[in-house]
Amino acid sequence: MAYPPATHHGAPNRVNSCATAAGNRSAFVDFANTDQPDRSAEIPRIAVPTLVLRSAGIDGQHFARDIPGAQERVHADGGHLLPEEDPDWVLRRDLRRRVRK
């Protein structure tokens, strides 16, 4: 399997370990089989500083658009698991500074 250039080389093994850990698969299946209410209307009521991290290929731009005052960072090559795929990008210096405030 070929991974995007920004993909951290250890990510596939860590993701697989998490997904196959005892209880995680059944917990995910249980969650997926429950009735999850659509909370989209609540997004504009988020009233805390918010930094939205997403990949360019992931449809999530509405979060930054709909959360008042949100900032957005878009990764050019990542997927759904940015912290695993490119931890250096996620934890770059300006993000660490924002988290400490």
C-alpha atoms as a PDB file:
ATOM      1  CA  MET A   1       0.000   0.000   0.000  1.00  0.00           C
ATOM      2  CA  ALA A   2       1.369   3.424  -0.904  1.00  0.00           C
ATOM      3  CA  TYR A   3       0.918   6.213   1.634  1.00  0.00           C
ATOM      4  CA  PRO A   4       0.978   9.948   0.956  1.00  0.00           C
ATOM      5  CA  PRO A   5       4.440  11.530   1.370  1.00  0.00           C
ATOM      6  CA  ALA A   6       3.382  13.226   4.613  1.00  0.00           C
ATOM      7  CA  THR A   7       2.154   9.991   6.165  1.00  0.00           C
ATOM      8  CA  HIS A   8       4.185   9.061   9.206  1.00  0.00           C
ATOM      9  CA  HIS A   9       5.721   5.652   8.528  1.00  0.00           C
ATOM     10  CA  GLY A  10       4.530   4.136  11.817  1.00  0.00           C
ATOM     11  CA  ALA A  11       0.907   5.230  11.490  1.00  0.00           C
ATOM     12  CA  PRO A  12      -0.488   2.120   9.779  1.00  0.00           C
ATOM     13  CA  ASN A  13       0.801  -0.165  12.530  1.00  0.00           C
ATOM     14  CA  ARG A  14      -0.491   2.100  15.323  1.00  0.00           C
ATOM     15  CA  VAL A  15      -3.899   2.438  13.679  1.00  0.00           C
ATOM     16  CA  ASN A  16      -4.114  -1.315  13.168  1.00  0.00           C
ATOM     17  CA  SER A  17      -3.125  -1.946  16.801  1.00  0.00           C
ATOM     18  CA  CYS A  18      -5.812   0.418  18.029  1.00  0.00           C
ATOM     19  CA  ALA A  19      -8.475  -1.002  15.732  1.00  0.00           C
ATOM     20  CA  THR A  20      -7.743  -4.599  16.686  1.00  0.00           C
ATOM     21  CA  ALA A  21      -7.262  -4.097  20.433  1.00  0.00           C
ATOM     22  CA  ALA A  22      -9.540  -6.157  22.638  1.00  0.00           C
ATOM     23  CA  GLY A  23     -12.965  -4.565  22.794  1.00  0.00           C
ATOM     24  CA  ASN A  24     -12.322  -1.720  20.347  1.00  0.00           C
ATOM     25  CA  ARG A  25     -13.852  -3.415  17.318  1.00  0.00           C
ATOM     26  CA  SER A  26     -17.026  -4.391  19.155  1.00  0.00           C
ATOM     27  CA  ALA A  27     -17.232  -0.942  20.775  1.00  0.00           C
ATOM     28  CA  PHE A  28     -17.058   0.674  17.342  1.00  0.00           C
ATOM     29  CA  VAL A  29     -19.694  -1.683  15.956  1.00  0.00           C
ATOM     30  CA  ASP A  30     -21.944  -1.006  18.963  1.00  0.00           C
ATOM     31  CA  PHE A  31     -21.530   2.747  18.489  1.00  0.00           C
ATOM     32  CA  ALA A  32     -22.181   2.533  14.746  1.00  0.00           C
ATOM     33  CA  ASN A  33     -25.372   0.570  15.395  1.00  0.00           C
ATOM     34  CA  THR A  34     -26.867   3.146  17.757  1.00  0.00           C
ATOM     35  CA  ASP A  35     -29.133   5.975  16.687  1.00  0.00           C
ATOM     36  CA  GLN A  36     -26.893   9.047  16.625  1.00  0.00           C
ATOM     37  CA  PRO A  37     -28.806  12.336  16.544  1.00  0.00           C
ATOM     38  CA  ASP A  38     -27.772  14.944  13.997  1.00  0.00           C
ATOM     39  CA  ARG A  39     -26.216  17.752  16.014  1.00  0.00           C
ATOM     40  CA  SER A  40     -25.215  19.906  13.054  1.00  0.00           C
ATOM     41  CA  ALA A  41     -27.474  22.730  14.219  1.00  0.00           C
ATOM     42  CA  GLU A  42     -25.467  22.975  17.459  1.00  0.00           C
ATOM     43  CA  ILE A  43     -22.149  23.704  15.723  1.00  0.00           C
ATOM     44  CA  PRO A  44     -22.711  27.494  15.481  1.00  0.00           C
ATOM     45  CA  ARG A  45     -23.289  27.583  19.264  1.00  0.00           C
ATOM     46  CA  ILE A  46     -19.718  26.515  20.039  1.00  0.00           C
ATOM     47  CA  ALA A  47     -18.379  29.462  22.017  1.00  0.00           C
ATOM     48  CA  VAL A  48     -14.759  28.576  22.738  1.00  0.00           C
ATOM     49  CA  PRO A  49     -11.610  29.243  20.693  1.00  0.00           C
ATOM     50  CA  THR A  50     -11.499  26.475  18.098  1.00  0.00           C
ATOM     51  CA  LEU A  51      -8.776  25.318  15.749  1.00  0.00           C
ATOM     52  CA  VAL A  52     -10.042  22.947  13.058  1.00  0.00           C
ATOM     53  CA  LEU A  53      -7.411  20.611  11.615  1.00  0.00           C
ATOM     54  CA  ARG A  54      -8.390  18.706   8.508  1.00  0.00           C
ATOM     55  CA  SER A  55      -7.010  17.183   5.355  1.00  0.00           C
ATOM     56  CA  ALA A  56      -7.640  18.765   1.968  1.00  0.00           C
ATOM     57  CA  GLY A  57      -9.401  15.631   0.757  1.00  0.00           C
ATOM     58  CA  ILE A  58     -11.743  15.432   3.747  1.00  0.00           C
ATOM     59  CA  ASP A  59     -15.058  17.273   3.597  1.00  0.00           C
ATOM     60  CA  GLY A  60     -14.951  19.235   6.831  1.00  0.00           C
ATOM     61  CA  GLN A  61     -14.646  22.862   5.831  1.00  0.00           C
ATOM     62  CA  HIS A  62     -18.112  23.543   7.233  1.00  0.00           C
ATOM     63  CA  PHE A  63     -16.770  23.190  10.784  1.00  0.00           C
ATOM     64  CA  ALA A  64     -14.454  26.173  10.452  1.00  0.00           C
ATOM     65  CA  ARG A  65     -17.125  28.082   8.544  1.00  0.00           C
ATOM     66  CA  ASP A  66     -19.881  27.392  11.078  1.00  0.00           C
ATOM     67  CA  ILE A  67     -17.967  27.797  14.354  1.00  0.00           C
ATOM     68  CA  PRO A  68     -17.767  31.509  15.189  1.00  0.00           C
ATOM     69  CA  GLY A  69     -14.171  32.729  15.161  1.00  0.00           C
ATOM     70  CA  ALA A  70     -12.719  29.307  14.314  1.00  0.00           C
ATOM     71  CA  GLN A  71      -9.360  29.030  12.617  1.00  0.00           C
ATOM     72  CA  GLU A  72      -8.601  26.270  10.163  1.00  0.00           C
ATOM     73  CA  ARG A  73      -5.426  24.496   9.082  1.00  0.00           C
ATOM     74  CA  VAL A  74      -5.584  22.244   6.029  1.00  0.00           C
ATOM     75  CA  HIS A  75      -3.091  19.442   5.453  1.00  0.00           C
ATOM     76  CA  ALA A  76      -2.424  18.875   1.761  1.00  0.00           C
ATOM     77  CA  ASP A  77      -1.867  15.103   1.878  1.00  0.00           C
ATOM     78  CA  GLY A  78      -3.363  13.648   5.052  1.00  0.00           C
ATOM     79  CA  GLY A  79      -6.390  11.480   5.591  1.00  0.00           C
ATOM     80  CA  HIS A  80      -8.813  10.956   8.468  1.00  0.00           C
ATOM     81  CA  LEU A  81      -6.157  10.281  11.119  1.00  0.00           C
ATOM     82  CA  LEU A  82      -3.874  13.320  10.997  1.00  0.00           C
ATOM     83  CA  PRO A  83      -2.376  12.841  14.487  1.00  0.00           C
ATOM     84  CA  GLU A  84      -1.198   9.401  13.409  1.00  0.00           C
ATOM     85  CA  GLU A  85      -0.389  10.219   9.800  1.00  0.00           C
ATOM     86  CA  ASP A  86       1.677  13.347  10.392  1.00  0.00           C
ATOM     87  CA  PRO A  87       2.182  14.062  14.103  1.00  0.00           C
ATOM     88  CA  ASP A  88       4.848  16.678  13.385  1.00  0.00           C
ATOM     89  CA  TRP A  89       2.367  18.717  11.346  1.00  0.00           C
ATOM     90  CA  VAL A  90      -0.304  18.440  14.048  1.00  0.00           C
ATOM     91  CA  LEU A  91       2.091  19.477  16.797  1.00  0.00           C
ATOM     92  CA  ARG A  92       4.006  22.163  14.989  1.00  0.00           C
ATOM     93  CA  ARG A  93       5.167  25.083  17.096  1.00  0.00           C
ATOM     94  CA  ASP A  94       2.278  27.505  16.492  1.00  0.00           C
ATOM     95  CA  LEU A  95      -0.275  24.818  17.434  1.00  0.00           C
ATOM     96  CA  ARG A  96       1.561  23.996  20.684  1.00  0.00           C
ATOM     97  CA  ARG A  97       1.583  27.692  21.532  1.00  0.00           C
ATOM     98  CA  ARG A  98      -2.191  27.944  20.948  1.00  0.00           C
ATOM     99  CA  VAL A  99      -2.907  24.928  23.132  1.00  0.00           C
ATOM    100  CA  ARG A 100      -0.907  26.381  26.054  1.00  0.00           C
ATOM    101  CA  LYS A 101      -2.877  29.653  26.109  1.00  0.00           C
END
